[in-house]
Amino acid sequence: MSRSYFDMHRLPHQSLLKLGGTKVTRQFIPCVRRAHGPGSIFPMTSAQQRLFSIDYHHEGGAHHWYIIPTGEREILQGIIDQYKPTICLNHGQLLIDPLILDKNHIRYHRVIQHPNEFIVLSAGTLAQSFTEDASWSESVAFALPSWIEEGHANVSVPRCQCDIPRDFLPEIIDVTLFRPEFIRRYINSHLNVTTDNKSPTLKGSWLYL
């Protein structure tokens, strides 16, 4: 396929995750989500091991997102622990009333996503959403160099009380596979910005919001 076309199914294999080889990249396939009517709710989640993620809205009613930056996680977790310390922020166990976020001065972004639009969530971001009508979308996780360089990959995940069988839990990615020299080589090969007499171009298929 021409590199002028963006294919989210190939994104994990084109992202920094490729440094981990097929043992890592084979874990990441797009996840399809369907809403069967208006008011369908998708509780708060975060990408595996605080990776980046991209969501594409194929068709149907608009999605209303509440997106909490990773810098607000510790504050939010502290508030939740006051009420129920076993609640997990990562596995879809919680839907938070935005009024609680406002009351506790937790920064968040509200975004309305329409069909044929992408939303890219930065490393460690928390997100919850609801739909206006029946719809379907798909998402997949990926990595950029800042996932390693800013320490997101090394953050220890506390043991949660979610009733998820061990066989269904994702494997922990070995961050020692992402050595600095390999990351620099990846940046030079895939993320360099080059210029000509016409306009700057970005090598590789990347979308940022």
C-alpha atoms as a PDB file:
ATOM      1  CA  MET A   1       0.000   0.000   0.000  1.00  0.00           C
ATOM      2  CA  SER A   2       1.252   3.471  -0.813  1.00  0.00           C
ATOM      3  CA  ARG A   3       2.688   5.314   2.186  1.00  0.00           C
ATOM      4  CA  SER A   4       0.338   8.190   1.332  1.00  0.00           C
ATOM      5  CA  TYR A   5      -2.481   6.109   2.887  1.00  0.00           C
ATOM      6  CA  PHE A   6      -2.876   5.734   6.638  1.00  0.00           C
ATOM      7  CA  ASP A   7      -3.659   2.228   7.900  1.00  0.00           C
ATOM      8  CA  MET A   8      -4.239   2.014  11.660  1.00  0.00           C
ATOM      9  CA  HIS A   9      -3.990  -1.781  11.536  1.00  0.00           C
ATOM     10  CA  ARG A  10      -0.298  -1.411  10.692  1.00  0.00           C
ATOM     11  CA  LEU A  11       0.358   1.288  13.280  1.00  0.00           C
ATOM     12  CA  PRO A  12       1.665  -0.926  16.132  1.00  0.00           C
ATOM     13  CA  HIS A  13       4.141  -2.505  13.714  1.00  0.00           C
ATOM     14  CA  GLN A  14       5.285   0.904  12.457  1.00  0.00           C
ATOM     15  CA  SER A  15       5.513   2.469  15.906  1.00  0.00           C
ATOM     16  CA  LEU A  16       8.270   2.132  18.492  1.00  0.00           C
ATOM     17  CA  LEU A  17       6.788  -1.238  19.486  1.00  0.00           C
ATOM     18  CA  LYS A  18       8.535  -2.755  16.472  1.00  0.00           C
ATOM     19  CA  LEU A  19      11.777  -2.660  18.482  1.00  0.00           C
ATOM     20  CA  GLY A  20      10.331  -5.422  20.655  1.00  0.00           C
ATOM     21  CA  GLY A  21       9.868  -7.730  17.662  1.00  0.00           C
ATOM     22  CA  THR A  22       6.842  -9.838  16.815  1.00  0.00           C
ATOM     23  CA  LYS A  23       6.550 -11.091  20.409  1.00  0.00           C
ATOM     24  CA  VAL A  24       5.483  -7.557  21.345  1.00  0.00           C
ATOM     25  CA  THR A  25       3.664  -6.345  18.232  1.00  0.00           C
ATOM     26  CA  ARG A  26       1.462  -9.437  17.921  1.00  0.00           C
ATOM     27  CA  GLN A  27      -0.249  -8.424  21.173  1.00  0.00           C
ATOM     28  CA  PHE A  28      -1.703  -5.326  19.549  1.00  0.00           C
ATOM     29  CA  ILE A  29      -4.642  -5.698  17.209  1.00  0.00           C
ATOM     30  CA  PRO A  30      -7.484  -3.186  16.758  1.00  0.00           C
ATOM     31  CA  CYS A  31     -10.333  -3.508  19.241  1.00  0.00           C
ATOM     32  CA  VAL A  32     -13.825  -2.979  17.795  1.00  0.00           C
ATOM     33  CA  ARG A  33     -16.436  -1.260  19.961  1.00  0.00           C
ATOM     34  CA  ARG A  34     -20.136  -1.186  19.124  1.00  0.00           C
ATOM     35  CA  ALA A  35     -22.871   0.965  20.627  1.00  0.00           C
ATOM     36  CA  HIS A  36     -26.317  -0.517  20.094  1.00  0.00           C
ATOM     37  CA  GLY A  37     -28.265   2.653  20.808  1.00  0.00           C
ATOM     38  CA  PRO A  38     -28.212   6.175  22.240  1.00  0.00           C
ATOM     39  CA  GLY A  39     -26.620   6.697  25.625  1.00  0.00           C
ATOM     40  CA  SER A  40     -24.257   3.724  25.390  1.00  0.00           C
ATOM     41  CA  ILE A  41     -21.488   4.178  27.940  1.00  0.00           C
ATOM     42  CA  PHE A  42     -17.811   3.232  27.752  1.00  0.00           C
ATOM     43  CA  PRO A  43     -16.334   3.537  31.271  1.00  0.00           C
ATOM     44  CA  MET A  44     -12.920   4.939  32.076  1.00  0.00           C
ATOM     45  CA  THR A  45      -9.948   3.056  30.682  1.00  0.00           C
ATOM     46  CA  SER A  46      -6.304   3.548  29.839  1.00  0.00           C
ATOM     47  CA  ALA A  47      -4.214   1.836  27.179  1.00  0.00           C
ATOM     48  CA  GLN A  48      -2.124  -1.145  28.204  1.00  0.00           C
ATOM     49  CA  GLN A  49       1.004  -0.155  30.138  1.00  0.00           C
ATOM     50  CA  ARG A  50       0.157   3.525  29.561  1.00  0.00           C
ATOM     51  CA  LEU A  51       0.782   3.376  25.811  1.00  0.00           C
ATOM     52  CA  PHE A  52      -0.546   5.839  23.255  1.00  0.00           C
ATOM     53  CA  SER A  53      -3.794   4.887  21.533  1.00  0.00           C
ATOM     54  CA  ILE A  54      -5.772   5.938  18.479  1.00  0.00           C
ATOM     55  CA  ASP A  55      -9.547   5.644  18.030  1.00  0.00           C
ATOM     56  CA  TYR A  56     -11.331   5.813  14.674  1.00  0.00           C
ATOM     57  CA  HIS A  57     -15.082   6.450  14.542  1.00  0.00           C
ATOM     58  CA  HIS A  58     -16.395   4.508  11.543  1.00  0.00           C
ATOM     59  CA  GLU A  59     -20.075   5.418  11.523  1.00  0.00           C
ATOM     60  CA  GLY A  60     -23.122   6.232  13.636  1.00  0.00           C
ATOM     61  CA  GLY A  61     -23.894   8.744  16.353  1.00  0.00           C
ATOM     62  CA  ALA A  62     -21.302  11.136  17.737  1.00  0.00           C
ATOM     63  CA  HIS A  63     -19.084  10.054  20.634  1.00  0.00           C
ATOM     64  CA  HIS A  64     -18.701  12.379  23.604  1.00  0.00           C
ATOM     65  CA  TRP A  65     -15.301  11.933  25.253  1.00  0.00           C
ATOM     66  CA  TYR A  66     -14.003  13.028  28.641  1.00  0.00           C
ATOM     67  CA  ILE A  67     -10.220  12.812  28.494  1.00  0.00           C
ATOM     68  CA  ILE A  68      -8.027  13.163  31.583  1.00  0.00           C
ATOM     69  CA  PRO A  69      -4.302  13.830  31.017  1.00  0.00           C
ATOM     70  CA  THR A  70      -1.808  11.518  32.657  1.00  0.00           C
ATOM     71  CA  GLY A  71      -0.624  14.313  34.973  1.00  0.00           C
ATOM     72  CA  GLU A  72      -4.012  14.212  36.731  1.00  0.00           C
ATOM     73  CA  ARG A  73      -4.018  10.462  37.439  1.00  0.00           C
ATOM     74  CA  GLU A  74      -2.401  10.608  40.867  1.00  0.00           C
ATOM     75  CA  ILE A  75      -4.812  13.285  42.098  1.00  0.00           C
ATOM     76  CA  LEU A  76      -7.815  11.397  40.756  1.00  0.00           C
ATOM     77  CA  GLN A  77      -6.650   8.125  42.279  1.00  0.00           C
ATOM     78  CA  GLY A  78      -6.230   9.820  45.649  1.00  0.00           C
ATOM     79  CA  ILE A  79      -9.826  11.079  45.533  1.00  0.00           C
ATOM     80  CA  ILE A  80     -11.170   7.670  44.545  1.00  0.00           C
ATOM     81  CA  ASP A  81      -9.186   5.954  47.310  1.00  0.00           C
ATOM     82  CA  GLN A  82     -11.065   8.031  49.884  1.00  0.00           C
ATOM     83  CA  TYR A  83     -14.295   6.308  48.861  1.00  0.00           C
ATOM     84  CA  LYS A  84     -13.314   2.904  47.507  1.00  0.00           C
ATOM     85  CA  PRO A  85      -9.596   2.129  47.273  1.00  0.00           C
ATOM     86  CA  THR A  86     -10.154  -1.073  45.294  1.00  0.00           C
ATOM     87  CA  ILE A  87     -11.534   0.796  42.258  1.00  0.00           C
ATOM     88  CA  CYS A  88      -9.266   0.468  39.213  1.00  0.00           C
ATOM     89  CA  LEU A  89      -8.724   3.296  36.734  1.00  0.00           C
ATOM     90  CA  ASN A  90      -7.480   1.069  33.937  1.00  0.00           C
ATOM     91  CA  HIS A  91     -10.035  -1.681  33.314  1.00  0.00           C
ATOM     92  CA  GLY A  92     -13.402  -0.025  32.700  1.00  0.00           C
ATOM     93  CA  GLN A  93     -14.720  -0.241  36.268  1.00  0.00           C
ATOM     94  CA  LEU A  94     -15.633   3.404  36.734  1.00  0.00           C
ATOM     95  CA  LEU A  95     -17.637   6.206  35.120  1.00  0.00           C
ATOM     96  CA  ILE A  96     -16.970   9.582  36.737  1.00  0.00           C
ATOM     97  CA  ASP A  97     -19.460  12.427  36.851  1.00  0.00           C
ATOM     98  CA  PRO A  98     -17.675  15.465  35.314  1.00  0.00           C
ATOM     99  CA  LEU A  99     -19.054  17.547  38.207  1.00  0.00           C
ATOM    100  CA  ILE A 100     -16.716  15.598  40.514  1.00  0.00           C
ATOM    101  CA  LEU A 101     -13.793  16.495  38.274  1.00  0.00           C
ATOM    102  CA  ASP A 102     -14.821  20.150  38.323  1.00  0.00           C
ATOM    103  CA  LYS A 103     -15.300  20.160  42.093  1.00  0.00           C
ATOM    104  CA  ASN A 104     -11.816  18.763  42.665  1.00  0.00           C
ATOM    105  CA  HIS A 105     -10.150  20.954  40.007  1.00  0.00           C
ATOM    106  CA  ILE A 106      -9.073  17.970  37.915  1.00  0.00           C
ATOM    107  CA  ARG A 107      -8.219  19.086  34.407  1.00  0.00           C
ATOM    108  CA  TYR A 108      -9.953  17.265  31.565  1.00  0.00           C
ATOM    109  CA  HIS A 109     -10.873  17.755  27.927  1.00  0.00           C
ATOM    110  CA  ARG A 110     -14.336  17.237  26.484  1.00  0.00           C
ATOM    111  CA  VAL A 111     -14.262  16.240  22.817  1.00  0.00           C
ATOM    112  CA  ILE A 112     -17.081  15.343  20.433  1.00  0.00           C
ATOM    113  CA  GLN A 113     -15.987  12.812  17.821  1.00  0.00           C
ATOM    114  CA  HIS A 114     -17.961  12.447  14.593  1.00  0.00           C
ATOM    115  CA  PRO A 115     -17.768   9.666  11.968  1.00  0.00           C
ATOM    116  CA  ASN A 116     -14.517   9.483   9.988  1.00  0.00           C
ATOM    117  CA  GLU A 117     -12.596  11.300  12.739  1.00  0.00           C
ATOM    118  CA  PHE A 118      -9.585  10.074  14.695  1.00  0.00           C
ATOM    119  CA  ILE A 119      -8.767  10.760  18.325  1.00  0.00           C
ATOM    120  CA  VAL A 120      -5.188  10.158  19.470  1.00  0.00           C
ATOM    121  CA  LEU A 121      -4.662   9.740  23.203  1.00  0.00           C
ATOM    122  CA  SER A 122      -1.238  10.484  24.656  1.00  0.00           C
ATOM    123  CA  ALA A 123       0.646   8.007  26.820  1.00  0.00           C
ATOM    124  CA  GLY A 124      -1.029   7.378  30.172  1.00  0.00           C
ATOM    125  CA  THR A 125      -4.229   9.236  29.308  1.00  0.00           C
ATOM    126  CA  LEU A 126      -7.513   8.189  30.917  1.00  0.00           C
ATOM    127  CA  ALA A 127     -10.712   8.384  28.864  1.00  0.00           C
ATOM    128  CA  GLN A 128     -14.414   7.659  29.159  1.00  0.00           C
ATOM    129  CA  SER A 129     -17.187   8.283  26.631  1.00  0.00           C
ATOM    130  CA  PHE A 130     -20.838   7.898  25.710  1.00  0.00           C
ATOM    131  CA  THR A 131     -22.660   7.877  22.378  1.00  0.00           C
ATOM    132  CA  GLU A 132     -25.566   9.797  20.884  1.00  0.00           C
ATOM    133  CA  ASP A 133     -26.782   6.807  18.877  1.00  0.00           C
ATOM    134  CA  ALA A 134     -25.812   3.383  17.590  1.00  0.00           C
ATOM    135  CA  SER A 135     -22.283   3.401  16.204  1.00  0.00           C
ATOM    136  CA  TRP A 136     -19.083   1.456  15.834  1.00  0.00           C
ATOM    137  CA  SER A 137     -15.437   2.358  16.157  1.00  0.00           C
ATOM    138  CA  GLU A 138     -12.077   0.698  16.598  1.00  0.00           C
ATOM    139  CA  SER A 139      -8.933   1.531  18.496  1.00  0.00           C
ATOM    140  CA  VAL A 140      -5.394   0.257  18.848  1.00  0.00           C
ATOM    141  CA  ALA A 141      -2.418   1.035  21.086  1.00  0.00           C
ATOM    142  CA  PHE A 142       1.014   2.075  19.849  1.00  0.00           C
ATOM    143  CA  ALA A 143       4.210   3.687  21.132  1.00  0.00           C
ATOM    144  CA  LEU A 144       6.252   6.781  20.371  1.00  0.00           C
ATOM    145  CA  PRO A 145       9.731   7.516  21.803  1.00  0.00           C
ATOM    146  CA  SER A 146       8.264   9.701  24.576  1.00  0.00           C
ATOM    147  CA  TRP A 147       6.586   6.582  26.026  1.00  0.00           C
ATOM    148  CA  ILE A 148      10.069   5.493  27.099  1.00  0.00           C
ATOM    149  CA  GLU A 149      11.794   8.872  27.427  1.00  0.00           C
ATOM    150  CA  GLU A 150       9.143  10.352  29.751  1.00  0.00           C
ATOM    151  CA  GLY A 151       8.960   7.257  31.944  1.00  0.00           C
ATOM    152  CA  HIS A 152       5.425   6.119  31.125  1.00  0.00           C
ATOM    153  CA  ALA A 153       6.542   2.569  30.351  1.00  0.00           C
ATOM    154  CA  ASN A 154       8.309   2.172  33.692  1.00  0.00           C
ATOM    155  CA  VAL A 155       5.450   3.311  35.933  1.00  0.00           C
ATOM    156  CA  SER A 156       4.544   0.457  38.248  1.00  0.00           C
ATOM    157  CA  VAL A 157       0.889  -0.536  38.006  1.00  0.00           C
ATOM    158  CA  PRO A 158      -0.653  -1.201  41.432  1.00  0.00           C
ATOM    159  CA  ARG A 159      -2.320  -4.564  41.901  1.00  0.00           C
ATOM    160  CA  CYS A 160      -6.011  -4.003  41.216  1.00  0.00           C
ATOM    161  CA  GLN A 161      -9.044  -5.897  42.477  1.00  0.00           C
ATOM    162  CA  CYS A 162     -10.614  -6.373  39.054  1.00  0.00           C
ATOM    163  CA  ASP A 163     -12.013  -9.859  38.580  1.00  0.00           C
ATOM    164  CA  ILE A 164     -10.079 -10.519  35.375  1.00  0.00           C
ATOM    165  CA  PRO A 165      -8.703 -14.031  34.769  1.00  0.00           C
ATOM    166  CA  ARG A 166      -4.919 -14.029  34.563  1.00  0.00           C
ATOM    167  CA  ASP A 167      -5.055 -15.563  31.090  1.00  0.00           C
ATOM    168  CA  PHE A 168      -6.883 -12.467  29.797  1.00  0.00           C
ATOM    169  CA  LEU A 169      -4.430  -9.946  31.226  1.00  0.00           C
ATOM    170  CA  PRO A 170      -1.932  -8.529  28.695  1.00  0.00           C
ATOM    171  CA  GLU A 171       1.724  -9.410  28.935  1.00  0.00           C
ATOM    172  CA  ILE A 172       3.990  -6.777  30.467  1.00  0.00           C
ATOM    173  CA  ILE A 173       6.265  -5.311  27.802  1.00  0.00           C
ATOM    174  CA  ASP A 174       9.954  -5.657  28.645  1.00  0.00           C
ATOM    175  CA  VAL A 175      11.187  -2.064  28.489  1.00  0.00           C
ATOM    176  CA  THR A 176      14.838  -3.161  28.390  1.00  0.00           C
ATOM    177  CA  LEU A 177      14.233  -4.002  24.722  1.00  0.00           C
ATOM    178  CA  PHE A 178      13.998  -0.282  23.988  1.00  0.00           C
ATOM    179  CA  ARG A 179      17.628   0.740  24.336  1.00  0.00           C
ATOM    180  CA  PRO A 180      18.547   4.416  23.740  1.00  0.00           C
ATOM    181  CA  GLU A 181      20.627   3.662  20.644  1.00  0.00           C
ATOM    182  CA  PHE A 182      17.725   1.697  19.114  1.00  0.00           C
ATOM    183  CA  ILE A 183      15.313   4.542  19.853  1.00  0.00           C
ATOM    184  CA  ARG A 184      17.642   7.088  18.211  1.00  0.00           C
ATOM    185  CA  ARG A 185      17.906   4.876  15.150  1.00  0.00           C
ATOM    186  CA  TYR A 186      14.107   4.559  15.020  1.00  0.00           C
ATOM    187  CA  ILE A 187      13.688   8.343  15.239  1.00  0.00           C
ATOM    188  CA  ASN A 188      16.203   8.916  12.454  1.00  0.00           C
ATOM    189  CA  SER A 189      14.534   6.307  10.243  1.00  0.00           C
ATOM    190  CA  HIS A 190      10.849   7.052  10.838  1.00  0.00           C
ATOM    191  CA  LEU A 191      10.258  10.416  12.500  1.00  0.00           C
ATOM    192  CA  ASN A 192      12.694  12.825  10.875  1.00  0.00           C
ATOM    193  CA  VAL A 193      11.167  15.955   9.380  1.00  0.00           C
ATOM    194  CA  THR A 194      12.677  16.734   5.980  1.00  0.00           C
ATOM    195  CA  THR A 195      12.208  19.867   3.933  1.00  0.00           C
ATOM    196  CA  ASP A 196      12.457  20.706   0.276  1.00  0.00           C
ATOM    197  CA  ASN A 197      11.722  23.784  -1.767  1.00  0.00           C
ATOM    198  CA  LYS A 198       7.985  23.176  -1.493  1.00  0.00           C
ATOM    199  CA  SER A 199       6.933  22.179   2.016  1.00  0.00           C
ATOM    200  CA  PRO A 200       8.001  20.100   5.035  1.00  0.00           C
ATOM    201  CA  THR A 201       7.009  16.462   5.082  1.00  0.00           C
ATOM    202  CA  LEU A 202       6.903  13.913   7.870  1.00  0.00           C
ATOM    203  CA  LYS A 203       8.358  10.490   7.157  1.00  0.00           C
ATOM    204  CA  GLY A 204       5.881   7.862   8.242  1.00  0.00           C
ATOM    205  CA  SER A 205       2.125   7.863   8.800  1.00  0.00           C
ATOM    206  CA  TRP A 206       1.340   9.766  12.019  1.00  0.00           C
ATOM    207  CA  LEU A 207      -1.633  11.745  13.199  1.00  0.00           C
ATOM    208  CA  TYR A 208      -1.585  14.060  16.190  1.00  0.00           C
ATOM    209  CA  LEU A 209      -4.445  15.797  18.015  1.00  0.00           C
END
